[in-house]
Amino acid sequence: MPKLYAYTDGACSGNPGPGGWGALLIARDGNTVVKQRELSGGEAETTNNRMELLAAITALETLERDTALTIITDSVYVKDGITKWIHGWKARGWKTAAKKPVKNEDLWRRLDEATKRHDVTWEWVKGHAGHPENEKADELARTGMAPFKPSK
């Protein structure tokens, strides 16, 4: 049975500024790629963290049925947010430990909802370190950002 992996990344030119997100979905049977799908998009005015979140959200929302998958991200913010911090945020009514509103609450709620129908394992990988699938996700994020960047 093939295993599904989603490599996700976000990019921003300025923070805030034009941004993009990318997701590379790969189904593997052992080391053999059975199926691959590339997703990307962007916004004119956003932040890097929002794009990182949207990459993971879109990867999950794209799946048509409940699935077991591993999401590989280079964002500690996304990985720790969804696996550690979100429990406290929800218990405190979407406030941080410092009693401040959670940044990007709208996307955290969407990610939380999107993870409920899947069996998700989260992994972190160092970004820009030559990891081929992470580099491809970064390329997709930059492609998603391109239409929103001012031409020079």
C-alpha atoms as a PDB file:
ATOM      1  CA  MET A   1       0.000   0.000   0.000  1.00  0.00           C
ATOM      2  CA  PRO A   2       1.513   3.362  -1.003  1.00  0.00           C
ATOM      3  CA  LYS A   3       2.359   5.909   1.692  1.00  0.00           C
ATOM      4  CA  LEU A   4       1.472   9.562   1.220  1.00  0.00           C
ATOM      5  CA  TYR A   5       3.818  12.451   1.950  1.00  0.00           C
ATOM      6  CA  ALA A   6       3.181  16.182   1.660  1.00  0.00           C
ATOM      7  CA  TYR A   7       6.170  18.506   1.512  1.00  0.00           C
ATOM      8  CA  THR A   8       5.055  22.060   2.265  1.00  0.00           C
ATOM      9  CA  ASP A   9       6.691  25.482   2.203  1.00  0.00           C
ATOM     10  CA  GLY A  10       5.883  29.170   2.221  1.00  0.00           C
ATOM     11  CA  ALA A  11       7.755  32.169   0.875  1.00  0.00           C
ATOM     12  CA  CYS A  12       7.425  35.903   1.234  1.00  0.00           C
ATOM     13  CA  SER A  13       9.137  38.877  -0.406  1.00  0.00           C
ATOM     14  CA  GLY A  14       9.156  41.222   2.533  1.00  0.00           C
ATOM     15  CA  ASN A  15       7.336  40.169   5.673  1.00  0.00           C
ATOM     16  CA  PRO A  16       4.596  41.313   5.172  1.00  0.00           C
ATOM     17  CA  GLY A  17       4.622  41.490   1.411  1.00  0.00           C
ATOM     18  CA  PRO A  18       3.782  39.365  -1.615  1.00  0.00           C
ATOM     19  CA  GLY A  19       3.862  35.687  -0.678  1.00  0.00           C
ATOM     20  CA  GLY A  20       3.359  32.202  -1.979  1.00  0.00           C
ATOM     21  CA  TRP A  21       2.856  28.675  -0.753  1.00  0.00           C
ATOM     22  CA  GLY A  22       3.720  25.330  -2.284  1.00  0.00           C
ATOM     23  CA  ALA A  23       2.899  21.717  -1.568  1.00  0.00           C
ATOM     24  CA  LEU A  24       4.315  18.617  -3.188  1.00  0.00           C
ATOM     25  CA  LEU A  25       2.179  15.514  -2.590  1.00  0.00           C
ATOM     26  CA  ILE A  26       3.920  12.215  -3.260  1.00  0.00           C
ATOM     27  CA  ALA A  27       2.531   8.684  -2.948  1.00  0.00           C
ATOM     28  CA  ARG A  28       5.357   6.171  -2.560  1.00  0.00           C
ATOM     29  CA  ASP A  29       5.421   2.402  -2.647  1.00  0.00           C
ATOM     30  CA  GLY A  30       8.747   1.767  -0.969  1.00  0.00           C
ATOM     31  CA  ASN A  31      11.159   4.057  -2.818  1.00  0.00           C
ATOM     32  CA  THR A  32       9.043   4.151  -5.973  1.00  0.00           C
ATOM     33  CA  VAL A  33       6.946   7.262  -6.628  1.00  0.00           C
ATOM     34  CA  VAL A  34       3.481   6.033  -7.616  1.00  0.00           C
ATOM     35  CA  LYS A  35       1.807   9.440  -7.958  1.00  0.00           C
ATOM     36  CA  GLN A  36       2.832  13.057  -7.567  1.00  0.00           C
ATOM     37  CA  ARG A  37       0.878  16.304  -7.445  1.00  0.00           C
ATOM     38  CA  GLU A  38       2.095  19.894  -7.227  1.00  0.00           C
ATOM     39  CA  LEU A  39       0.050  22.703  -5.667  1.00  0.00           C
ATOM     40  CA  SER A  40       0.845  26.395  -5.337  1.00  0.00           C
ATOM     41  CA  GLY A  41      -0.760  29.751  -4.800  1.00  0.00           C
ATOM     42  CA  GLY A  42      -0.120  33.145  -3.333  1.00  0.00           C
ATOM     43  CA  GLU A  43      -1.376  36.466  -2.072  1.00  0.00           C
ATOM     44  CA  ALA A  44      -0.442  40.092  -2.687  1.00  0.00           C
ATOM     45  CA  GLU A  45      -0.029  41.064   0.977  1.00  0.00           C
ATOM     46  CA  THR A  46       0.740  38.367   3.522  1.00  0.00           C
ATOM     47  CA  THR A  47       3.392  36.942   5.851  1.00  0.00           C
ATOM     48  CA  ASN A  48       5.714  33.995   5.638  1.00  0.00           C
ATOM     49  CA  ASN A  49       3.937  32.240   8.512  1.00  0.00           C
ATOM     50  CA  ARG A  50       0.553  32.569   6.806  1.00  0.00           C
ATOM     51  CA  MET A  51       1.994  31.047   3.638  1.00  0.00           C
ATOM     52  CA  GLU A  52       3.562  28.167   5.600  1.00  0.00           C
ATOM     53  CA  LEU A  53       0.158  27.483   7.173  1.00  0.00           C
ATOM     54  CA  LEU A  54      -1.710  27.716   3.858  1.00  0.00           C
ATOM     55  CA  ALA A  55       0.654  25.189   2.267  1.00  0.00           C
ATOM     56  CA  ALA A  56      -0.192  22.590   4.930  1.00  0.00           C
ATOM     57  CA  ILE A  57      -3.903  23.475   4.943  1.00  0.00           C
ATOM     58  CA  THR A  58      -4.193  23.181   1.171  1.00  0.00           C
ATOM     59  CA  ALA A  59      -2.349  19.867   1.115  1.00  0.00           C
ATOM     60  CA  LEU A  60      -4.863  18.468   3.622  1.00  0.00           C
ATOM     61  CA  GLU A  61      -7.977  20.067   2.121  1.00  0.00           C
ATOM     62  CA  THR A  62      -7.057  18.781  -1.344  1.00  0.00           C
ATOM     63  CA  LEU A  63      -7.316  15.154  -0.229  1.00  0.00           C
ATOM     64  CA  GLU A  64     -10.720  13.796  -1.170  1.00  0.00           C
ATOM     65  CA  ARG A  65     -10.909  11.041   1.441  1.00  0.00           C
ATOM     66  CA  ASP A  66      -9.605  10.393   4.934  1.00  0.00           C
ATOM     67  CA  THR A  67      -5.941   9.585   4.573  1.00  0.00           C
ATOM     68  CA  ALA A  68      -2.886   8.702   6.607  1.00  0.00           C
ATOM     69  CA  LEU A  69      -0.031  10.957   5.589  1.00  0.00           C
ATOM     70  CA  THR A  70       3.183  12.553   6.729  1.00  0.00           C
ATOM     71  CA  ILE A  71       3.552  16.305   6.327  1.00  0.00           C
ATOM     72  CA  ILE A  72       7.154  17.423   6.070  1.00  0.00           C
ATOM     73  CA  THR A  73       7.663  21.142   6.718  1.00  0.00           C
ATOM     74  CA  ASP A  74      10.665  23.366   7.302  1.00  0.00           C
ATOM     75  CA  SER A  75       8.510  25.540   9.576  1.00  0.00           C
ATOM     76  CA  VAL A  76       8.945  24.972  13.314  1.00  0.00           C
ATOM     77  CA  TYR A  77       6.062  27.447  13.694  1.00  0.00           C
ATOM     78  CA  VAL A  78       3.661  25.139  11.834  1.00  0.00           C
ATOM     79  CA  LYS A  79       4.921  21.855  13.297  1.00  0.00           C
ATOM     80  CA  ASP A  80       5.059  23.024  16.927  1.00  0.00           C
ATOM     81  CA  GLY A  81       1.905  25.102  16.565  1.00  0.00           C
ATOM     82  CA  ILE A  82      -0.240  22.167  15.450  1.00  0.00           C
ATOM     83  CA  THR A  83       1.384  19.482  17.631  1.00  0.00           C
ATOM     84  CA  LYS A  84       2.050  21.435  20.855  1.00  0.00           C
ATOM     85  CA  TRP A  85       0.791  25.006  21.193  1.00  0.00           C
ATOM     86  CA  ILE A  86      -2.705  24.662  19.741  1.00  0.00           C
ATOM     87  CA  HIS A  87      -3.995  22.657  22.718  1.00  0.00           C
ATOM     88  CA  GLY A  88      -3.239  25.542  25.105  1.00  0.00           C
ATOM     89  CA  TRP A  89      -4.557  28.150  22.681  1.00  0.00           C
ATOM     90  CA  LYS A  90      -7.884  26.353  22.433  1.00  0.00           C
ATOM     91  CA  ALA A  91      -8.098  25.832  26.201  1.00  0.00           C
ATOM     92  CA  ARG A  92      -7.471  29.573  26.707  1.00  0.00           C
ATOM     93  CA  GLY A  93     -10.036  30.662  24.092  1.00  0.00           C
ATOM     94  CA  TRP A  94      -7.438  31.250  21.360  1.00  0.00           C
ATOM     95  CA  LYS A  95      -5.118  33.260  23.565  1.00  0.00           C
ATOM     96  CA  THR A  96      -1.387  32.739  24.007  1.00  0.00           C
ATOM     97  CA  ALA A  97       0.164  31.957  27.373  1.00  0.00           C
ATOM     98  CA  ALA A  98       0.747  35.733  27.620  1.00  0.00           C
ATOM     99  CA  LYS A  99      -3.050  36.201  27.181  1.00  0.00           C
ATOM    100  CA  LYS A 100      -2.628  37.829  23.759  1.00  0.00           C
ATOM    101  CA  PRO A 101      -4.705  36.823  20.715  1.00  0.00           C
ATOM    102  CA  VAL A 102      -3.153  34.005  18.696  1.00  0.00           C
ATOM    103  CA  LYS A 103      -1.701  35.344  15.451  1.00  0.00           C
ATOM    104  CA  ASN A 104      -3.212  33.760  12.338  1.00  0.00           C
ATOM    105  CA  GLU A 105      -6.070  32.287  14.368  1.00  0.00           C
ATOM    106  CA  ASP A 106      -8.207  31.954  11.227  1.00  0.00           C
ATOM    107  CA  LEU A 107      -5.623  29.684   9.597  1.00  0.00           C
ATOM    108  CA  TRP A 108      -4.862  27.738  12.778  1.00  0.00           C
ATOM    109  CA  ARG A 109      -8.586  26.958  13.076  1.00  0.00           C
ATOM    110  CA  ARG A 110      -8.636  25.828   9.435  1.00  0.00           C
ATOM    111  CA  LEU A 111      -5.558  23.657   9.917  1.00  0.00           C
ATOM    112  CA  ASP A 112      -7.013  22.168  13.090  1.00  0.00           C
ATOM    113  CA  GLU A 113     -10.230  21.308  11.243  1.00  0.00           C
ATOM    114  CA  ALA A 114      -8.362  19.910   8.219  1.00  0.00           C
ATOM    115  CA  THR A 115      -6.259  17.581  10.373  1.00  0.00           C
ATOM    116  CA  LYS A 116      -9.323  16.031  12.044  1.00  0.00           C
ATOM    117  CA  ARG A 117     -10.262  13.862   9.065  1.00  0.00           C
ATOM    118  CA  HIS A 118      -6.751  12.556   8.494  1.00  0.00           C
ATOM    119  CA  ASP A 119      -4.136  10.583  10.390  1.00  0.00           C
ATOM    120  CA  VAL A 120      -1.303  13.113  10.190  1.00  0.00           C
ATOM    121  CA  THR A 121       2.302  12.665  11.249  1.00  0.00           C
ATOM    122  CA  TRP A 122       4.330  15.878  11.315  1.00  0.00           C
ATOM    123  CA  GLU A 123       8.035  16.030  10.518  1.00  0.00           C
ATOM    124  CA  TRP A 124      10.421  18.950  10.405  1.00  0.00           C
ATOM    125  CA  VAL A 125      13.264  19.238   7.915  1.00  0.00           C
ATOM    126  CA  LYS A 126      15.885  21.975   7.737  1.00  0.00           C
ATOM    127  CA  GLY A 127      15.017  24.368   4.925  1.00  0.00           C
ATOM    128  CA  HIS A 128      17.424  25.283   2.130  1.00  0.00           C
ATOM    129  CA  ALA A 129      19.625  22.339   3.037  1.00  0.00           C
ATOM    130  CA  GLY A 130      19.451  20.445  -0.259  1.00  0.00           C
ATOM    131  CA  HIS A 131      16.488  18.202   0.648  1.00  0.00           C
ATOM    132  CA  PRO A 132      15.070  17.607  -2.885  1.00  0.00           C
ATOM    133  CA  GLU A 133      11.364  17.535  -2.009  1.00  0.00           C
ATOM    134  CA  ASN A 134      11.657  20.523   0.329  1.00  0.00           C
ATOM    135  CA  GLU A 135      13.527  22.427  -2.382  1.00  0.00           C
ATOM    136  CA  LYS A 136      10.696  21.583  -4.806  1.00  0.00           C
ATOM    137  CA  ALA A 137       8.092  22.830  -2.290  1.00  0.00           C
ATOM    138  CA  ASP A 138      10.121  26.048  -1.977  1.00  0.00           C
ATOM    139  CA  GLU A 139      10.179  26.388  -5.777  1.00  0.00           C
ATOM    140  CA  LEU A 140       6.401  25.910  -5.863  1.00  0.00           C
ATOM    141  CA  ALA A 141       5.974  28.588  -3.165  1.00  0.00           C
ATOM    142  CA  ARG A 142       8.083  31.018  -5.192  1.00  0.00           C
ATOM    143  CA  THR A 143       6.032  30.179  -8.290  1.00  0.00           C
ATOM    144  CA  GLY A 144       2.861  30.931  -6.310  1.00  0.00           C
ATOM    145  CA  MET A 145       4.303  34.263  -5.185  1.00  0.00           C
ATOM    146  CA  ALA A 146       5.518  35.350  -8.649  1.00  0.00           C
ATOM    147  CA  PRO A 147       2.254  36.865  -9.953  1.00  0.00           C
ATOM    148  CA  PHE A 148       2.059  39.120  -6.877  1.00  0.00           C
ATOM    149  CA  LYS A 149       5.612  40.468  -6.960  1.00  0.00           C
ATOM    150  CA  PRO A 150       6.002  43.889  -8.524  1.00  0.00           C
ATOM    151  CA  SER A 151       8.000  43.784 -11.745  1.00  0.00           C
ATOM    152  CA  LYS A 152      11.332  45.557 -11.638  1.00  0.00           C
END
